[in-house]
Amino acid sequence: MPFKKDDKKQKHSFSPGAHGTVYLLGALYLAYLLVTFLQEAYKGGEDAPSLPLLIVGILVLGGGVVFLGLMAWRMSRVQPEATGDEELELSEPEADGEAPDEDEGEGDEPDEEETGEEE
């Protein structure tokens, strides 16, 4: 076999923006279907849905719009995962900030002797 099993498994990063966009598009499409369904019911005639079908259609399509809208909103609030390169960039400044400076003890804080003499 030319490929190993490990080569087939590619790690994809989670993109909440892309997921949220798909949820939002789904919600907009269901809203379009709901409006079209209600327009047909309003016109009446032989092709108009019956009352039970109208109620079920409103509940299913309206519930789908609300659910997908909430999912899109939740995905917009999620922070994207950091990739390996971003993690390295983030860890380097933190490591620099944790290292104590050599100049820190020289004149930054008053010595105990100096404070004792002033009182």
Protein backbone atom coordinates (compact mmCIF):
# COMPACT_ATOMS: atom_id res chain seq x y z
CA MET A 1 0.00 0.00 0.00
CA PRO A 2 1.36 3.43 -0.87
CA PHE A 3 -0.28 5.15 2.10
CA LYS A 4 0.03 4.33 5.75
CA LYS A 5 -3.00 4.49 8.00
CA ASP A 6 -1.54 7.49 9.81
CA ASP A 7 -1.23 9.41 6.55
CA LYS A 8 -4.95 9.09 5.88
CA LYS A 9 -5.85 10.76 9.16
CA GLN A 10 -5.41 14.46 8.69
CA LYS A 11 -6.07 16.71 11.60
CA HIS A 12 -8.50 19.44 10.60
CA SER A 13 -8.85 22.44 12.81
CA PHE A 14 -12.32 23.35 14.04
CA SER A 15 -13.56 26.53 12.42
CA PRO A 16 -16.51 27.96 14.35
CA GLY A 17 -16.93 30.73 11.79
CA ALA A 18 -17.51 28.22 9.01
CA HIS A 19 -19.90 26.18 11.13
CA GLY A 20 -21.81 29.29 12.14
CA THR A 21 -22.12 30.36 8.51
CA VAL A 22 -23.57 26.98 7.53
CA TYR A 23 -26.05 27.14 10.43
CA LEU A 24 -27.05 30.67 9.45
CA LEU A 25 -27.57 29.69 5.81
CA GLY A 26 -29.72 26.76 6.95
CA ALA A 27 -31.79 29.04 9.17
CA LEU A 28 -32.30 31.51 6.32
CA TYR A 29 -33.37 28.74 3.96
CA LEU A 30 -35.88 27.39 6.49
CA ALA A 31 -37.21 30.93 7.00
CA TYR A 32 -37.66 31.21 3.22
CA LEU A 33 -39.55 27.91 3.15
CA LEU A 34 -41.74 29.03 6.07
CA VAL A 35 -42.64 32.32 4.36
CA THR A 36 -43.43 30.50 1.11
CA PHE A 37 -45.55 27.97 3.01
CA LEU A 38 -47.47 30.73 4.78
CA GLN A 39 -48.03 32.60 1.52
CA GLU A 40 -49.57 29.50 -0.05
CA ALA A 41 -51.79 29.03 3.00
CA TYR A 42 -52.89 32.68 2.86
CA LYS A 43 -53.81 32.49 -0.83
CA GLY A 44 -56.15 29.57 -0.22
CA GLY A 45 -57.57 27.42 -2.97
CA GLU A 46 -57.31 23.71 -3.62
CA ASP A 47 -53.54 23.55 -3.08
CA ALA A 48 -53.67 25.31 0.32
CA PRO A 49 -52.57 23.19 3.27
CA SER A 50 -55.15 22.05 5.81
CA LEU A 51 -55.17 23.49 9.33
CA PRO A 52 -53.31 20.55 10.98
CA LEU A 53 -50.69 20.59 8.22
CA LEU A 54 -50.36 24.37 8.63
CA ILE A 55 -49.78 24.05 12.38
CA VAL A 56 -47.25 21.23 12.01
CA GLY A 57 -45.45 23.11 9.21
CA ILE A 58 -45.20 26.27 11.30
CA LEU A 59 -43.90 24.31 14.29
CA VAL A 60 -41.33 22.31 12.31
CA LEU A 61 -40.05 25.09 10.06
CA GLY A 62 -40.25 27.77 12.77
CA GLY A 63 -38.53 25.49 15.28
CA GLY A 64 -35.79 24.76 12.74
CA VAL A 65 -35.26 28.48 12.15
CA VAL A 66 -34.98 29.14 15.89
CA PHE A 67 -32.70 26.14 16.51
CA LEU A 68 -30.31 26.89 13.65
CA GLY A 69 -30.33 30.59 14.52
CA LEU A 70 -29.30 29.78 18.09
CA MET A 71 -26.61 27.39 16.89
CA ALA A 72 -25.24 30.07 14.54
CA TRP A 73 -25.21 32.57 17.41
CA ARG A 74 -23.40 30.11 19.70
CA MET A 75 -20.79 29.40 17.02
CA SER A 76 -20.16 33.12 16.63
CA ARG A 77 -19.29 33.27 20.34
CA VAL A 78 -16.77 30.37 20.23
CA GLN A 79 -13.09 31.27 19.99
CA PRO A 80 -11.20 29.46 17.20
CA GLU A 81 -8.72 26.79 18.22
CA ALA A 82 -5.07 27.72 17.99
CA THR A 83 -2.96 25.74 15.53
CA GLY A 84 0.52 24.44 16.37
CA ASP A 85 2.23 27.54 14.92
CA GLU A 86 -0.04 29.90 16.82
CA GLU A 87 0.58 28.02 20.07
CA LEU A 88 4.33 28.44 19.63
CA GLU A 89 3.94 32.16 18.97
CA LEU A 90 1.77 32.55 22.05
CA SER A 91 4.08 30.57 24.34
CA GLU A 92 7.25 32.51 23.41
CA PRO A 93 6.19 35.92 24.82
CA GLU A 94 4.84 34.24 27.94
CA ALA A 95 8.17 32.52 28.52
CA ASP A 96 9.99 35.85 28.11
CA GLY A 97 7.67 37.53 30.62
CA GLU A 98 8.18 34.80 33.23
CA ALA A 99 11.98 35.08 33.32
CA PRO A 100 13.16 37.39 36.10
CA ASP A 101 15.13 40.44 35.06
CA GLU A 102 18.67 40.81 36.39
CA ASP A 103 18.22 44.54 36.97
CA GLU A 104 15.10 44.11 39.10
CA GLY A 105 16.75 44.36 42.52
CA GLU A 106 18.88 47.41 41.73
CA GLY A 107 17.03 50.47 42.93
CA ASP A 108 13.49 49.52 41.97
CA GLU A 109 12.38 48.94 45.56
CA PRO A 110 13.73 50.73 48.62
CA ASP A 111 15.86 48.63 50.96
CA GLU A 112 14.69 47.89 54.50
CA GLU A 113 17.52 49.99 55.91
CA GLU A 114 16.37 53.07 54.02
CA THR A 115 12.78 52.76 55.25
CA GLY A 116 13.92 52.22 58.82
CA GLU A 117 16.01 55.42 58.81
CA GLU A 118 13.15 57.59 57.59
CA GLU A 119 10.85 56.69 60.48
